[in-house]
Amino acid sequence: MAPENELHHTATAPYIPRMKTESKPGAVKRGRPTGTATKRINARFPTGLAEKIEYAASLRGVAVAAFIQEAVAERADRVIEAESHWQLTREEAANLAAMIAKPPKPNPKMLHAVKLAARDVVIRS
């Protein structure tokens, strides 16, 4: 059996046990989430991942909740940004540009769709 102060390896990352420190009464912890909480989302993490998150938060000197909020907000921003844009191949982009430059002539289905849309869509100027 390994001594308690030795690094313990998990499947995802090494785990370094946290040192317990005494906090002063009335001391404000760094990295606490700011603002009032308006909604709670509970999440359970596998032990290895929870230990990894705690270790990363301690390296940054912030509370675990603040670390998770920051990480999730950054990831959410990246997903929203990625899903807000079209990604076309060169061939698809060339076809789109050609259709914009010379649009196809309206066919009966398109004319019918325009009539349906005209009943429900209001164009404001």
N, C-alpha and C. Protein backbone atom coordinates (compact mmCIF):
# COMPACT_ATOMS: atom_id res chain seq x y z
N MET A 1 0.84 -1.19 0.00
CA MET A 1 0.00 0.00 0.00
C MET A 1 0.88 1.25 0.00
N ALA A 2 0.50 2.26 -0.80
CA ALA A 2 1.30 3.48 -0.94
C ALA A 2 1.08 4.41 0.25
N PRO A 3 2.11 5.16 0.64
CA PRO A 3 1.94 6.14 1.72
C PRO A 3 0.92 7.20 1.33
N GLU A 4 0.28 7.82 2.30
CA GLU A 4 -0.79 8.77 2.05
C GLU A 4 -0.33 10.02 1.31
N ASN A 5 0.93 10.44 1.50
CA ASN A 5 1.38 11.67 0.86
C ASN A 5 1.90 11.44 -0.55
N GLU A 6 1.89 10.21 -1.04
CA GLU A 6 2.34 9.91 -2.39
C GLU A 6 1.23 10.23 -3.40
N LEU A 7 1.62 10.56 -4.62
CA LEU A 7 0.64 10.85 -5.66
C LEU A 7 -0.17 9.61 -5.96
N HIS A 8 -1.48 9.77 -6.11
CA HIS A 8 -2.35 8.68 -6.48
C HIS A 8 -2.79 8.93 -7.91
N HIS A 9 -2.64 7.96 -8.77
CA HIS A 9 -3.01 8.13 -10.17
C HIS A 9 -4.39 7.55 -10.42
N THR A 10 -5.20 8.33 -11.16
CA THR A 10 -6.51 7.87 -11.59
C THR A 10 -6.45 7.65 -13.09
N ALA A 11 -7.55 7.24 -13.66
CA ALA A 11 -7.58 6.99 -15.10
C ALA A 11 -7.41 8.27 -15.90
N THR A 12 -7.80 9.41 -15.32
CA THR A 12 -7.77 10.66 -16.09
C THR A 12 -6.58 11.55 -15.75
N ALA A 13 -6.18 11.62 -14.51
CA ALA A 13 -5.10 12.54 -14.14
C ALA A 13 -4.60 12.18 -12.76
N PRO A 14 -3.38 12.61 -12.44
CA PRO A 14 -2.89 12.34 -11.09
C PRO A 14 -3.68 13.13 -10.07
N TYR A 15 -3.85 12.56 -8.93
CA TYR A 15 -4.56 13.24 -7.85
C TYR A 15 -3.56 13.55 -6.76
N ILE A 16 -3.51 14.80 -6.38
CA ILE A 16 -2.65 15.21 -5.28
C ILE A 16 -3.56 15.60 -4.14
N PRO A 17 -3.44 14.92 -2.98
CA PRO A 17 -4.32 15.24 -1.86
C PRO A 17 -4.21 16.71 -1.47
N ARG A 18 -5.33 17.31 -1.15
CA ARG A 18 -5.35 18.72 -0.75
C ARG A 18 -4.92 18.85 0.69
N MET A 19 -4.22 19.93 0.97
CA MET A 19 -3.82 20.19 2.35
C MET A 19 -4.92 20.99 3.01
N LYS A 20 -5.30 20.59 4.20
CA LYS A 20 -6.32 21.32 4.93
C LYS A 20 -5.67 22.52 5.61
N THR A 21 -6.30 23.67 5.47
CA THR A 21 -5.78 24.88 6.10
C THR A 21 -6.85 25.48 6.97
N GLU A 22 -6.43 26.15 7.97
CA GLU A 22 -7.37 26.82 8.87
C GLU A 22 -7.72 28.17 8.24
N SER A 23 -8.99 28.48 8.19
CA SER A 23 -9.38 29.79 7.67
C SER A 23 -9.70 30.72 8.82
N LYS A 24 -9.41 32.00 8.61
CA LYS A 24 -9.66 33.00 9.64
C LYS A 24 -11.15 33.32 9.67
N PRO A 25 -11.72 33.55 10.84
CA PRO A 25 -13.14 33.92 10.89
C PRO A 25 -13.38 35.20 10.11
N GLY A 26 -14.42 35.18 9.29
CA GLY A 26 -14.78 36.37 8.53
C GLY A 26 -13.97 36.55 7.25
N ALA A 27 -13.03 35.62 6.98
CA ALA A 27 -12.22 35.75 5.76
C ALA A 27 -13.07 35.40 4.55
N VAL A 28 -12.87 36.15 3.47
CA VAL A 28 -13.58 35.90 2.23
C VAL A 28 -12.70 35.01 1.37
N LYS A 29 -13.25 33.90 0.89
CA LYS A 29 -12.47 33.01 0.05
C LYS A 29 -12.37 33.59 -1.34
N ARG A 30 -11.18 33.46 -1.93
CA ARG A 30 -10.96 33.92 -3.29
C ARG A 30 -11.73 33.05 -4.25
N GLY A 31 -12.20 33.65 -5.32
CA GLY A 31 -12.80 32.89 -6.38
C GLY A 31 -14.22 32.43 -6.15
N ARG A 32 -14.90 33.01 -5.20
CA ARG A 32 -16.30 32.65 -4.99
C ARG A 32 -17.12 33.17 -6.16
N PRO A 33 -18.15 32.43 -6.58
CA PRO A 33 -19.01 32.95 -7.64
C PRO A 33 -19.62 34.28 -7.21
N THR A 34 -19.65 35.23 -8.12
CA THR A 34 -20.18 36.55 -7.78
C THR A 34 -21.63 36.64 -8.19
N GLY A 35 -22.33 37.59 -7.64
CA GLY A 35 -23.73 37.80 -7.96
C GLY A 35 -24.62 36.82 -7.21
N THR A 36 -25.91 37.07 -7.32
CA THR A 36 -26.85 36.18 -6.63
C THR A 36 -27.19 35.01 -7.54
N ALA A 37 -27.28 33.85 -6.93
CA ALA A 37 -27.63 32.65 -7.69
C ALA A 37 -29.12 32.70 -8.00
N THR A 38 -29.46 32.52 -9.26
CA THR A 38 -30.87 32.53 -9.64
C THR A 38 -31.37 31.15 -10.01
N LYS A 39 -30.46 30.25 -10.33
CA LYS A 39 -30.87 28.90 -10.70
C LYS A 39 -29.79 27.93 -10.29
N ARG A 40 -30.21 26.80 -9.77
CA ARG A 40 -29.26 25.78 -9.33
C ARG A 40 -29.30 24.62 -10.31
N ILE A 41 -28.11 24.14 -10.69
CA ILE A 41 -27.99 22.94 -11.51
C ILE A 41 -27.11 21.97 -10.73
N ASN A 42 -27.68 20.86 -10.37
CA ASN A 42 -26.92 19.85 -9.64
C ASN A 42 -26.27 18.89 -10.62
N ALA A 43 -25.02 18.57 -10.38
CA ALA A 43 -24.31 17.64 -11.24
C ALA A 43 -23.50 16.69 -10.36
N ARG A 44 -23.45 15.46 -10.77
CA ARG A 44 -22.61 14.48 -10.08
C ARG A 44 -21.47 14.13 -11.01
N PHE A 45 -20.27 14.01 -10.44
CA PHE A 45 -19.09 13.72 -11.21
C PHE A 45 -18.47 12.42 -10.74
N PRO A 46 -17.89 11.64 -11.65
CA PRO A 46 -17.13 10.46 -11.21
C PRO A 46 -16.00 10.92 -10.30
N THR A 47 -15.61 10.07 -9.37
CA THR A 47 -14.61 10.45 -8.37
C THR A 47 -13.35 11.02 -9.00
N GLY A 48 -12.83 10.36 -10.03
CA GLY A 48 -11.60 10.83 -10.67
C GLY A 48 -11.74 12.22 -11.24
N LEU A 49 -12.88 12.50 -11.87
CA LEU A 49 -13.11 13.82 -12.45
C LEU A 49 -13.30 14.87 -11.36
N ALA A 50 -14.02 14.52 -10.30
CA ALA A 50 -14.23 15.46 -9.19
C ALA A 50 -12.89 15.84 -8.57
N GLU A 51 -12.02 14.87 -8.39
CA GLU A 51 -10.71 15.15 -7.81
C GLU A 51 -9.88 16.03 -8.75
N LYS A 52 -10.00 15.78 -10.04
CA LYS A 52 -9.29 16.58 -11.03
C LYS A 52 -9.77 18.03 -10.99
N ILE A 53 -11.09 18.22 -10.91
CA ILE A 53 -11.67 19.57 -10.84
C ILE A 53 -11.21 20.28 -9.57
N GLU A 54 -11.26 19.59 -8.45
CA GLU A 54 -10.82 20.19 -7.18
C GLU A 54 -9.35 20.60 -7.25
N TYR A 55 -8.52 19.74 -7.84
CA TYR A 55 -7.10 20.03 -7.95
C TYR A 55 -6.87 21.25 -8.85
N ALA A 56 -7.55 21.29 -10.00
CA ALA A 56 -7.40 22.42 -10.92
C ALA A 56 -7.86 23.72 -10.26
N ALA A 57 -8.98 23.67 -9.53
CA ALA A 57 -9.47 24.86 -8.84
C ALA A 57 -8.45 25.33 -7.81
N SER A 58 -7.84 24.37 -7.08
CA SER A 58 -6.85 24.76 -6.07
C SER A 58 -5.62 25.38 -6.72
N LEU A 59 -5.24 24.91 -7.91
CA LEU A 59 -4.10 25.51 -8.62
C LEU A 59 -4.39 26.96 -8.99
N ARG A 60 -5.64 27.24 -9.34
CA ARG A 60 -6.05 28.61 -9.68
C ARG A 60 -6.34 29.45 -8.44
N GLY A 61 -6.49 28.80 -7.29
CA GLY A 61 -6.78 29.54 -6.06
C GLY A 61 -8.22 30.02 -5.99
N VAL A 62 -9.14 29.27 -6.59
CA VAL A 62 -10.54 29.66 -6.59
C VAL A 62 -11.39 28.53 -6.03
N ALA A 63 -12.60 28.85 -5.66
CA ALA A 63 -13.54 27.85 -5.18
C ALA A 63 -13.93 26.93 -6.33
N VAL A 64 -14.28 25.70 -6.00
CA VAL A 64 -14.66 24.73 -7.02
C VAL A 64 -15.86 25.23 -7.82
N ALA A 65 -16.85 25.81 -7.16
CA ALA A 65 -18.04 26.30 -7.86
C ALA A 65 -17.67 27.38 -8.88
N ALA A 66 -16.78 28.29 -8.51
CA ALA A 66 -16.35 29.35 -9.43
C ALA A 66 -15.58 28.76 -10.60
N PHE A 67 -14.74 27.77 -10.32
CA PHE A 67 -13.97 27.13 -11.38
C PHE A 67 -14.89 26.44 -12.38
N ILE A 68 -15.89 25.72 -11.87
CA ILE A 68 -16.83 25.02 -12.74
C ILE A 68 -17.64 26.02 -13.55
N GLN A 69 -18.11 27.10 -12.91
CA GLN A 69 -18.89 28.11 -13.64
C GLN A 69 -18.08 28.70 -14.78
N GLU A 70 -16.82 29.03 -14.52
CA GLU A 70 -15.98 29.64 -15.55
C GLU A 70 -15.74 28.66 -16.69
N ALA A 71 -15.43 27.41 -16.36
CA ALA A 71 -15.15 26.40 -17.39
C ALA A 71 -16.39 26.13 -18.24
N VAL A 72 -17.54 26.00 -17.59
CA VAL A 72 -18.78 25.72 -18.33
C VAL A 72 -19.17 26.92 -19.19
N ALA A 73 -19.00 28.13 -18.68
CA ALA A 73 -19.33 29.33 -19.45
C ALA A 73 -18.45 29.43 -20.70
N GLU A 74 -17.16 29.15 -20.55
CA GLU A 74 -16.25 29.19 -21.71
C GLU A 74 -16.65 28.15 -22.75
N ARG A 75 -16.96 26.94 -22.30
CA ARG A 75 -17.36 25.87 -23.23
C ARG A 75 -18.68 26.20 -23.91
N ALA A 76 -19.63 26.75 -23.15
CA ALA A 76 -20.93 27.12 -23.73
C ALA A 76 -20.74 28.20 -24.80
N ASP A 77 -19.88 29.17 -24.54
CA ASP A 77 -19.60 30.22 -25.53
C ASP A 77 -19.02 29.63 -26.81
N ARG A 78 -18.08 28.66 -26.67
CA ARG A 78 -17.48 28.03 -27.85
C ARG A 78 -18.52 27.26 -28.66
N VAL A 79 -19.40 26.53 -27.97
CA VAL A 79 -20.44 25.75 -28.66
C VAL A 79 -21.40 26.69 -29.39
N ILE A 80 -21.84 27.74 -28.72
CA ILE A 80 -22.77 28.69 -29.33
C ILE A 80 -22.12 29.35 -30.55
N GLU A 81 -20.87 29.74 -30.42
CA GLU A 81 -20.15 30.36 -31.54
C GLU A 81 -20.03 29.39 -32.71
N ALA A 82 -19.66 28.15 -32.43
CA ALA A 82 -19.49 27.15 -33.48
C ALA A 82 -20.81 26.85 -34.20
N GLU A 83 -21.90 26.82 -33.45
CA GLU A 83 -23.20 26.49 -34.04
C GLU A 83 -23.88 27.69 -34.69
N SER A 84 -23.29 28.88 -34.55
CA SER A 84 -23.88 30.09 -35.11
C SER A 84 -23.40 30.38 -36.52
N HIS A 85 -22.49 29.56 -37.02
CA HIS A 85 -21.92 29.79 -38.35
C HIS A 85 -22.08 28.54 -39.20
N TRP A 86 -22.22 28.76 -40.49
CA TRP A 86 -22.22 27.64 -41.43
C TRP A 86 -20.79 27.29 -41.75
N GLN A 87 -20.54 26.03 -41.91
CA GLN A 87 -19.22 25.61 -42.36
C GLN A 87 -19.41 24.84 -43.66
N LEU A 88 -18.98 25.45 -44.74
CA LEU A 88 -19.15 24.87 -46.07
C LEU A 88 -17.81 24.43 -46.64
N THR A 89 -17.88 23.40 -47.48
CA THR A 89 -16.68 23.04 -48.23
C THR A 89 -16.51 24.08 -49.33
N ARG A 90 -15.37 24.05 -49.99
CA ARG A 90 -15.14 25.01 -51.08
C ARG A 90 -16.18 24.83 -52.19
N GLU A 91 -16.51 23.57 -52.47
CA GLU A 91 -17.50 23.29 -53.52
C GLU A 91 -18.88 23.82 -53.12
N GLU A 92 -19.27 23.60 -51.86
CA GLU A 92 -20.57 24.11 -51.39
C GLU A 92 -20.61 25.63 -51.42
N ALA A 93 -19.51 26.27 -51.02
CA ALA A 93 -19.44 27.73 -51.03
C ALA A 93 -19.54 28.26 -52.45
N ALA A 94 -18.87 27.59 -53.40
CA ALA A 94 -18.93 28.02 -54.80
C ALA A 94 -20.35 27.87 -55.35
N ASN A 95 -21.02 26.74 -55.01
CA ASN A 95 -22.40 26.54 -55.46
C ASN A 95 -23.34 27.59 -54.88
N LEU A 96 -23.17 27.92 -53.60
CA LEU A 96 -24.01 28.93 -52.97
C LEU A 96 -23.79 30.29 -53.62
N ALA A 97 -22.54 30.65 -53.87
CA ALA A 97 -22.23 31.93 -54.51
C ALA A 97 -22.85 31.99 -55.91
N ALA A 98 -22.79 30.87 -56.63
CA ALA A 98 -23.37 30.83 -57.99
C ALA A 98 -24.89 31.00 -57.93
N MET A 99 -25.54 30.36 -56.93
CA MET A 99 -27.00 30.51 -56.81
C MET A 99 -27.40 31.92 -56.42
N ILE A 100 -26.59 32.57 -55.61
CA ILE A 100 -26.88 33.95 -55.23
C ILE A 100 -26.69 34.87 -56.43
N ALA A 101 -25.63 34.63 -57.18
CA ALA A 101 -25.35 35.47 -58.35
C ALA A 101 -26.42 35.30 -59.43
N LYS A 102 -26.89 34.06 -59.62
CA LYS A 102 -27.91 33.80 -60.64
C LYS A 102 -28.95 32.85 -60.03
N PRO A 103 -29.95 33.42 -59.34
CA PRO A 103 -30.94 32.57 -58.67
C PRO A 103 -31.76 31.76 -59.66
N PRO A 104 -32.22 30.57 -59.24
CA PRO A 104 -33.05 29.76 -60.13
C PRO A 104 -34.40 30.42 -60.36
N LYS A 105 -35.05 30.09 -61.48
CA LYS A 105 -36.38 30.63 -61.78
C LYS A 105 -37.39 29.97 -60.84
N PRO A 106 -38.40 30.73 -60.40
CA PRO A 106 -39.41 30.15 -59.50
C PRO A 106 -40.17 29.01 -60.18
N ASN A 107 -40.35 27.91 -59.45
CA ASN A 107 -41.16 26.80 -59.95
C ASN A 107 -42.50 26.81 -59.20
N PRO A 108 -43.46 25.97 -59.59
CA PRO A 108 -44.78 26.00 -58.93
C PRO A 108 -44.72 25.79 -57.41
N LYS A 109 -43.83 24.90 -56.93
CA LYS A 109 -43.73 24.67 -55.48
C LYS A 109 -43.24 25.93 -54.76
N MET A 110 -42.29 26.61 -55.37
CA MET A 110 -41.76 27.83 -54.76
C MET A 110 -42.84 28.91 -54.71
N LEU A 111 -43.60 29.07 -55.79
CA LEU A 111 -44.67 30.07 -55.82
C LEU A 111 -45.73 29.77 -54.76
N HIS A 112 -46.05 28.49 -54.59
CA HIS A 112 -47.02 28.09 -53.56
C HIS A 112 -46.48 28.42 -52.16
N ALA A 113 -45.19 28.15 -51.93
CA ALA A 113 -44.56 28.46 -50.64
C ALA A 113 -44.60 29.96 -50.37
N VAL A 114 -44.41 30.77 -51.39
CA VAL A 114 -44.45 32.23 -51.23
C VAL A 114 -45.85 32.66 -50.81
N LYS A 115 -46.88 32.08 -51.42
CA LYS A 115 -48.27 32.41 -51.05
C LYS A 115 -48.56 32.04 -49.60
N LEU A 116 -48.11 30.84 -49.20
CA LEU A 116 -48.32 30.41 -47.81
C LEU A 116 -47.60 31.35 -46.84
N ALA A 117 -46.38 31.71 -47.17
CA ALA A 117 -45.60 32.59 -46.30
C ALA A 117 -46.23 33.97 -46.21
N ALA A 118 -46.80 34.45 -47.32
CA ALA A 118 -47.39 35.79 -47.36
C ALA A 118 -48.58 35.90 -46.38
N ARG A 119 -49.26 34.80 -46.12
CA ARG A 119 -50.39 34.82 -45.19
C ARG A 119 -49.91 34.96 -43.73
N ASP A 120 -48.74 34.40 -43.43
CA ASP A 120 -48.29 34.34 -42.04
C ASP A 120 -47.14 35.28 -41.69
N VAL A 121 -46.45 35.78 -42.68
CA VAL A 121 -45.26 36.59 -42.42
C VAL A 121 -45.58 38.07 -42.70
N VAL A 122 -45.21 38.91 -41.75
CA VAL A 122 -45.40 40.35 -41.92
C VAL A 122 -44.00 40.97 -42.06
N ILE A 123 -43.77 41.64 -43.14
CA ILE A 123 -42.47 42.29 -43.35
C ILE A 123 -42.59 43.74 -42.91
N ARG A 124 -41.74 44.11 -41.98
CA ARG A 124 -41.74 45.50 -41.48
C ARG A 124 -40.56 46.22 -42.05
N SER A 125 -40.76 47.48 -42.36
CA SER A 125 -39.63 48.25 -42.90
C SER A 125 -39.17 49.30 -41.93
